[in-house]
């Protein structure tokens, strides 16, 4: 759907799938059903229609993304075009959470030491679990 064709509203699950927040529309619908999608601090169903200017809170794991609908789209487009239909308002602290989680879940082994032994793997698993 081109931007020149004005739409008044689109289903939230279609829109989230089209702007590539979720890989499949069924994942977007499931997120709505499980209460991870909010508009104006109200949990929404997949059939809820979104309008331009709406601010959507999306909880994905430990991260809460905040995006503003700047355009409406029903069909999935490339990533480069998808960013034209929303504005990311996610605070820097939320983005920092992701960076920290990536650091915690990363092990660095010296080159040439090979795979960790079973004992070392258990130690690594215990250390990972204790961080959370």
N, C-alpha and C. Protein backbone atom coordinates (compact mmCIF):
# COMPACT_ATOMS: atom_id res chain seq x y z
N UNK A 1 0.85 -1.16 0.00
CA UNK A 1 0.00 0.00 0.00
C UNK A 1 0.90 1.23 0.00
N UNK A 2 0.70 2.11 -0.93
CA UNK A 2 1.50 3.32 -1.04
C UNK A 2 1.05 4.34 -0.01
N UNK A 3 1.92 5.22 0.34
CA UNK A 3 1.60 6.23 1.33
C UNK A 3 0.60 7.24 0.82
N UNK A 4 0.50 7.42 -0.49
CA UNK A 4 -0.41 8.40 -1.06
C UNK A 4 -1.87 8.00 -0.85
N UNK A 5 -2.12 6.70 -0.75
CA UNK A 5 -3.48 6.23 -0.49
C UNK A 5 -3.72 6.34 1.01
N UNK A 6 -4.57 7.28 1.41
CA UNK A 6 -4.81 7.52 2.83
C UNK A 6 -5.72 6.46 3.41
N UNK A 7 -5.28 5.88 4.50
CA UNK A 7 -6.08 4.91 5.25
C UNK A 7 -6.40 5.57 6.58
N UNK A 8 -7.55 5.26 7.11
CA UNK A 8 -7.91 5.83 8.41
C UNK A 8 -7.45 4.93 9.55
N UNK A 9 -7.58 3.62 9.38
CA UNK A 9 -7.20 2.71 10.46
C UNK A 9 -6.82 1.35 9.89
N UNK A 10 -5.97 0.64 10.64
CA UNK A 10 -5.50 -0.70 10.27
C UNK A 10 -5.48 -1.53 11.55
N UNK A 11 -5.74 -2.83 11.41
CA UNK A 11 -5.65 -3.72 12.57
C UNK A 11 -4.24 -3.67 13.13
N UNK A 12 -4.14 -3.66 14.45
CA UNK A 12 -2.84 -3.55 15.11
C UNK A 12 -1.94 -4.73 14.78
N UNK A 13 -2.49 -5.95 14.69
CA UNK A 13 -1.63 -7.10 14.38
C UNK A 13 -1.06 -7.01 12.97
N UNK A 14 -1.86 -6.56 12.02
CA UNK A 14 -1.37 -6.39 10.65
C UNK A 14 -0.27 -5.34 10.59
N UNK A 15 -0.51 -4.23 11.29
CA UNK A 15 0.44 -3.12 11.26
C UNK A 15 1.78 -3.53 11.89
N UNK A 16 1.74 -4.20 13.04
CA UNK A 16 2.98 -4.62 13.69
C UNK A 16 3.76 -5.61 12.83
N UNK A 17 3.05 -6.47 12.13
CA UNK A 17 3.69 -7.41 11.22
C UNK A 17 4.26 -6.67 10.01
N UNK A 18 3.50 -5.71 9.48
CA UNK A 18 3.92 -5.00 8.27
C UNK A 18 5.16 -4.13 8.51
N UNK A 19 5.29 -3.56 9.71
CA UNK A 19 6.46 -2.72 9.98
C UNK A 19 7.63 -3.53 10.55
N UNK A 20 7.47 -4.85 10.57
CA UNK A 20 8.53 -5.79 10.92
C UNK A 20 8.92 -5.79 12.39
N UNK A 21 7.97 -5.54 13.28
CA UNK A 21 8.22 -5.71 14.70
C UNK A 21 8.17 -7.21 15.02
N UNK A 22 7.24 -7.92 14.36
CA UNK A 22 7.12 -9.37 14.52
C UNK A 22 7.34 -10.04 13.17
N UNK A 23 7.90 -11.26 13.20
CA UNK A 23 8.18 -11.98 11.95
C UNK A 23 6.91 -12.48 11.27
N UNK A 24 5.90 -12.87 12.05
CA UNK A 24 4.67 -13.37 11.46
C UNK A 24 3.48 -12.63 12.06
N UNK A 25 2.39 -12.64 11.34
CA UNK A 25 1.19 -11.99 11.84
C UNK A 25 0.63 -12.76 13.02
N UNK A 26 0.78 -14.06 13.02
CA UNK A 26 0.28 -14.85 14.15
C UNK A 26 1.08 -14.53 15.42
N UNK A 27 2.36 -14.22 15.31
CA UNK A 27 3.14 -13.80 16.48
C UNK A 27 2.63 -12.45 17.00
N UNK A 28 2.28 -11.55 16.09
CA UNK A 28 1.72 -10.25 16.49
C UNK A 28 0.38 -10.44 17.18
N UNK A 29 -0.46 -11.32 16.65
CA UNK A 29 -1.76 -11.60 17.26
C UNK A 29 -1.59 -12.21 18.65
N UNK A 30 -0.64 -13.12 18.78
CA UNK A 30 -0.38 -13.76 20.06
C UNK A 30 0.11 -12.74 21.09
N UNK A 31 0.94 -11.80 20.66
CA UNK A 31 1.42 -10.76 21.57
C UNK A 31 0.25 -9.91 22.06
N UNK A 32 -0.70 -9.63 21.19
CA UNK A 32 -1.89 -8.87 21.59
C UNK A 32 -2.71 -9.68 22.59
N UNK A 33 -2.92 -10.96 22.30
CA UNK A 33 -3.72 -11.83 23.18
C UNK A 33 -3.10 -11.95 24.56
N UNK A 34 -1.77 -11.99 24.62
CA UNK A 34 -1.11 -12.19 25.90
C UNK A 34 -0.87 -10.89 26.66
N UNK A 35 -1.34 -9.78 26.12
CA UNK A 35 -1.27 -8.50 26.84
C UNK A 35 0.04 -7.77 26.73
N UNK A 36 0.85 -8.07 25.73
CA UNK A 36 2.14 -7.40 25.59
C UNK A 36 2.07 -6.14 24.74
N UNK A 37 0.91 -5.86 24.15
CA UNK A 37 0.73 -4.68 23.31
C UNK A 37 -0.26 -3.75 24.01
N UNK A 38 0.14 -2.48 24.15
CA UNK A 38 -0.73 -1.50 24.80
C UNK A 38 -0.78 -0.23 23.96
N UNK A 39 -1.96 0.35 23.90
CA UNK A 39 -2.14 1.67 23.29
C UNK A 39 -2.84 2.50 24.35
N UNK A 40 -2.27 3.64 24.71
CA UNK A 40 -2.80 4.52 25.75
C UNK A 40 -3.01 3.75 27.05
N UNK A 41 -2.02 2.94 27.43
CA UNK A 41 -2.04 2.14 28.66
C UNK A 41 -3.22 1.18 28.76
N UNK A 42 -3.76 0.77 27.63
CA UNK A 42 -4.85 -0.21 27.60
C UNK A 42 -4.38 -1.39 26.77
N UNK A 43 -4.50 -2.61 27.33
CA UNK A 43 -4.16 -3.80 26.56
C UNK A 43 -5.12 -3.91 25.39
N UNK A 44 -4.60 -4.25 24.23
CA UNK A 44 -5.44 -4.30 23.04
C UNK A 44 -5.53 -5.71 22.48
N UNK A 45 -6.63 -5.96 21.79
CA UNK A 45 -6.80 -7.22 21.07
C UNK A 45 -6.23 -7.03 19.68
N UNK A 46 -6.02 -8.13 18.98
CA UNK A 46 -5.44 -8.08 17.64
C UNK A 46 -6.33 -7.33 16.66
N UNK A 47 -7.64 -7.30 16.92
CA UNK A 47 -8.56 -6.64 16.00
C UNK A 47 -8.65 -5.13 16.23
N UNK A 48 -8.00 -4.63 17.28
CA UNK A 48 -8.03 -3.19 17.57
C UNK A 48 -7.41 -2.44 16.42
N UNK A 49 -8.04 -1.35 16.02
CA UNK A 49 -7.51 -0.58 14.91
C UNK A 49 -6.58 0.52 15.43
N UNK A 50 -5.50 0.72 14.71
CA UNK A 50 -4.52 1.74 15.05
C UNK A 50 -4.68 2.89 14.06
N UNK A 51 -4.48 4.08 14.54
CA UNK A 51 -4.57 5.28 13.70
C UNK A 51 -3.24 6.02 13.75
N UNK A 52 -3.03 6.89 12.78
CA UNK A 52 -1.80 7.69 12.78
C UNK A 52 -1.72 8.51 14.05
N UNK A 53 -0.54 8.56 14.64
CA UNK A 53 -0.34 9.33 15.86
C UNK A 53 -0.46 8.51 17.13
N UNK A 54 -1.00 7.29 17.05
CA UNK A 54 -1.12 6.44 18.23
C UNK A 54 0.26 6.02 18.71
N UNK A 55 0.42 5.97 20.04
CA UNK A 55 1.68 5.52 20.62
C UNK A 55 1.46 4.11 21.17
N UNK A 56 2.30 3.19 20.73
CA UNK A 56 2.15 1.77 21.05
C UNK A 56 3.32 1.33 21.93
N UNK A 57 3.00 0.66 23.05
CA UNK A 57 4.02 0.07 23.94
C UNK A 57 4.04 -1.42 23.67
N UNK A 58 5.21 -1.93 23.31
CA UNK A 58 5.36 -3.34 22.96
C UNK A 58 6.39 -3.96 23.90
N UNK A 59 5.98 -4.97 24.66
CA UNK A 59 6.89 -5.67 25.56
C UNK A 59 7.41 -6.91 24.85
N UNK A 60 8.71 -6.91 24.60
CA UNK A 60 9.37 -8.04 23.95
C UNK A 60 10.47 -8.51 24.89
N UNK A 61 10.18 -9.59 25.63
CA UNK A 61 11.12 -10.08 26.63
C UNK A 61 11.29 -9.03 27.71
N UNK A 62 12.54 -8.69 28.06
CA UNK A 62 12.76 -7.69 29.11
C UNK A 62 12.65 -6.26 28.60
N UNK A 63 12.55 -6.08 27.31
CA UNK A 63 12.54 -4.76 26.69
C UNK A 63 11.11 -4.29 26.43
N UNK A 64 10.86 -3.00 26.71
CA UNK A 64 9.59 -2.39 26.35
C UNK A 64 9.87 -1.34 25.29
N UNK A 65 9.42 -1.59 24.08
CA UNK A 65 9.62 -0.65 22.99
C UNK A 65 8.42 0.28 22.91
N UNK A 66 8.68 1.54 22.63
CA UNK A 66 7.63 2.53 22.46
C UNK A 66 7.76 3.08 21.05
N UNK A 67 6.70 2.90 20.26
CA UNK A 67 6.74 3.41 18.89
C UNK A 67 5.49 4.23 18.61
N UNK A 68 5.66 5.21 17.74
CA UNK A 68 4.55 6.08 17.35
C UNK A 68 4.23 5.80 15.90
N UNK A 69 2.95 5.60 15.60
CA UNK A 69 2.52 5.33 14.24
C UNK A 69 2.54 6.63 13.44
N UNK A 70 3.42 6.71 12.45
CA UNK A 70 3.48 7.91 11.60
C UNK A 70 2.80 7.67 10.26
N UNK A 71 2.49 6.42 9.99
CA UNK A 71 1.81 6.06 8.76
C UNK A 71 1.15 4.70 8.93
N UNK A 72 0.18 4.43 8.09
CA UNK A 72 -0.53 3.16 8.18
C UNK A 72 -0.21 2.31 6.97
N UNK A 73 -0.06 1.02 7.21
CA UNK A 73 0.29 0.08 6.15
C UNK A 73 -0.29 -1.28 6.50
N UNK A 74 -0.80 -1.98 5.50
CA UNK A 74 -1.38 -3.31 5.73
C UNK A 74 -0.47 -4.43 5.25
N UNK A 75 0.28 -4.17 4.20
CA UNK A 75 1.12 -5.21 3.61
C UNK A 75 2.57 -5.04 4.02
N UNK A 76 3.23 -6.14 4.20
CA UNK A 76 4.63 -6.13 4.63
C UNK A 76 5.51 -5.57 3.52
N UNK A 77 6.44 -4.71 3.91
CA UNK A 77 7.37 -4.11 2.96
C UNK A 77 8.79 -4.34 3.47
N UNK A 78 9.77 -3.92 2.70
CA UNK A 78 11.16 -4.10 3.11
C UNK A 78 11.45 -3.28 4.36
N UNK A 79 12.51 -3.64 5.04
CA UNK A 79 12.88 -2.96 6.26
C UNK A 79 13.16 -1.48 6.06
N UNK A 80 13.76 -1.15 4.91
CA UNK A 80 14.07 0.25 4.63
C UNK A 80 12.80 1.08 4.48
N UNK A 81 11.77 0.50 3.88
CA UNK A 81 10.51 1.22 3.73
C UNK A 81 9.68 1.19 5.01
N UNK A 82 9.80 0.14 5.79
CA UNK A 82 9.00 -0.01 7.01
C UNK A 82 9.27 1.10 8.02
N UNK A 83 10.50 1.58 8.11
CA UNK A 83 10.82 2.61 9.10
C UNK A 83 10.12 3.94 8.81
N UNK A 84 9.58 4.11 7.63
CA UNK A 84 8.85 5.33 7.29
C UNK A 84 7.49 5.38 7.97
N UNK A 85 7.00 4.25 8.46
CA UNK A 85 5.65 4.17 9.00
C UNK A 85 5.60 4.22 10.52
N UNK A 86 6.75 4.34 11.17
CA UNK A 86 6.76 4.48 12.63
C UNK A 86 7.98 5.27 13.07
N UNK A 87 7.87 5.81 14.29
CA UNK A 87 8.98 6.53 14.91
C UNK A 87 9.29 5.83 16.22
N UNK A 88 10.53 5.48 16.43
CA UNK A 88 10.92 4.76 17.64
C UNK A 88 11.16 5.76 18.76
N UNK A 89 10.35 5.66 19.83
CA UNK A 89 10.47 6.56 20.98
C UNK A 89 11.03 5.83 22.20
N UNK A 90 11.61 4.66 22.00
CA UNK A 90 12.13 3.85 23.09
C UNK A 90 13.24 4.61 23.82
N UNK A 91 13.14 4.74 25.16
CA UNK A 91 14.18 5.45 25.91
C UNK A 91 15.53 4.74 25.83
N UNK A 92 16.59 5.50 26.01
CA UNK A 92 17.95 4.96 25.91
C UNK A 92 18.21 3.88 26.97
N UNK A 93 17.54 3.98 28.14
CA UNK A 93 17.74 2.98 29.19
C UNK A 93 17.28 1.61 28.73
N UNK A 94 16.18 1.56 27.98
CA UNK A 94 15.67 0.28 27.48
C UNK A 94 16.64 -0.33 26.47
N UNK A 95 17.20 0.49 25.63
CA UNK A 95 18.15 0.02 24.63
C UNK A 95 19.43 -0.46 25.32
N UNK A 96 19.80 0.21 26.41
CA UNK A 96 20.98 -0.19 27.18
C UNK A 96 20.78 -1.58 27.80
N UNK A 97 19.53 -1.91 28.18
CA UNK A 97 19.23 -3.23 28.74
C UNK A 97 19.64 -4.34 27.76
N UNK A 98 19.31 -4.15 26.51
CA UNK A 98 19.63 -5.15 25.48
C UNK A 98 21.14 -5.32 25.36
N UNK A 99 21.87 -4.20 25.36
CA UNK A 99 23.33 -4.28 25.26
C UNK A 99 23.91 -5.04 26.44
N UNK A 100 23.40 -4.77 27.64
CA UNK A 100 23.89 -5.46 28.83
C UNK A 100 23.58 -6.95 28.79
N UNK A 101 22.37 -7.31 28.33
CA UNK A 101 22.01 -8.72 28.23
C UNK A 101 22.91 -9.46 27.25
N UNK A 102 23.27 -8.79 26.17
CA UNK A 102 24.16 -9.42 25.19
C UNK A 102 25.54 -9.65 25.79
N UNK A 103 26.01 -8.68 26.58
CA UNK A 103 27.33 -8.83 27.21
C UNK A 103 27.33 -9.97 28.23
N UNK A 104 26.27 -10.07 29.01
CA UNK A 104 26.18 -11.10 30.05
C UNK A 104 26.16 -12.48 29.42
N UNK A 105 25.47 -12.63 28.31
CA UNK A 105 25.32 -13.94 27.68
C UNK A 105 26.42 -14.24 26.67
N UNK A 106 27.57 -13.64 26.82
CA UNK A 106 28.64 -13.85 25.85
C UNK A 106 29.87 -14.38 26.58
N UNK A 107 30.38 -15.50 26.12
CA UNK A 107 31.61 -16.04 26.67
C UNK A 107 32.70 -15.89 25.64
N UNK A 108 33.88 -15.50 26.09
CA UNK A 108 35.01 -15.37 25.18
C UNK A 108 36.04 -16.41 25.58
N UNK A 109 36.43 -17.21 24.65
CA UNK A 109 37.47 -18.20 24.89
C UNK A 109 38.69 -17.86 24.03
N UNK A 110 39.82 -18.11 24.59
CA UNK A 110 41.05 -17.86 23.85
C UNK A 110 41.14 -18.79 22.65
N UNK A 111 41.70 -18.30 21.59
CA UNK A 111 41.84 -19.09 20.37
C UNK A 111 42.76 -20.29 20.64
N UNK A 112 42.31 -21.44 20.18
CA UNK A 112 43.11 -22.65 20.32
C UNK A 112 42.81 -23.46 21.57
N UNK A 113 41.93 -22.98 22.45
CA UNK A 113 41.62 -23.74 23.67
C UNK A 113 40.57 -24.81 23.42
N UNK A 114 39.91 -24.77 22.29
CA UNK A 114 38.93 -25.79 21.95
C UNK A 114 37.60 -25.58 22.65
N UNK A 115 36.76 -26.59 22.55
CA UNK A 115 35.44 -26.52 23.17
C UNK A 115 35.56 -26.65 24.68
N UNK A 116 34.61 -26.05 25.42
CA UNK A 116 34.66 -26.23 26.87
C UNK A 116 34.30 -27.67 27.25
N UNK A 117 34.90 -28.13 28.34
CA UNK A 117 34.58 -29.48 28.82
C UNK A 117 33.20 -29.44 29.47
N UNK A 118 32.69 -30.61 29.82
CA UNK A 118 31.38 -30.69 30.46
C UNK A 118 31.39 -29.91 31.78
N UNK A 119 32.46 -30.02 32.52
CA UNK A 119 32.59 -29.31 33.79
C UNK A 119 32.58 -27.79 33.56
N UNK A 120 33.32 -27.35 32.55
CA UNK A 120 33.37 -25.92 32.23
C UNK A 120 32.01 -25.41 31.76
N UNK A 121 31.29 -26.21 30.98
CA UNK A 121 29.95 -25.80 30.51
C UNK A 121 29.00 -25.62 31.69
N UNK A 122 29.07 -26.54 32.65
CA UNK A 122 28.21 -26.43 33.84
C UNK A 122 28.54 -25.17 34.62
N UNK A 123 29.81 -24.84 34.73
CA UNK A 123 30.23 -23.62 35.42
C UNK A 123 29.71 -22.39 34.68
N UNK A 124 29.82 -22.39 33.38
CA UNK A 124 29.32 -21.28 32.56
C UNK A 124 27.82 -21.12 32.76
N UNK A 125 27.08 -22.23 32.73
CA UNK A 125 25.63 -22.19 32.93
C UNK A 125 25.28 -21.63 34.31
N UNK A 126 26.02 -22.05 35.35
CA UNK A 126 25.76 -21.55 36.70
C UNK A 126 26.02 -20.05 36.79
N UNK A 127 27.10 -19.59 36.15
CA UNK A 127 27.42 -18.16 36.17
C UNK A 127 26.33 -17.34 35.46
N UNK A 128 25.85 -17.86 34.34
CA UNK A 128 24.79 -17.15 33.59
C UNK A 128 23.53 -17.03 34.41
N UNK A 129 23.15 -18.11 35.09
CA UNK A 129 21.92 -18.10 35.88
C UNK A 129 22.04 -17.18 37.08
N UNK A 130 23.22 -17.05 37.66
CA UNK A 130 23.39 -16.23 38.86
C UNK A 130 23.32 -14.74 38.53
N UNK A 131 23.54 -14.33 37.29
CA UNK A 131 23.51 -12.92 36.90
C UNK A 131 22.10 -12.36 36.93
N UNK A 132 21.10 -13.21 36.75
CA UNK A 132 19.72 -12.73 36.68
C UNK A 132 19.11 -12.87 37.99
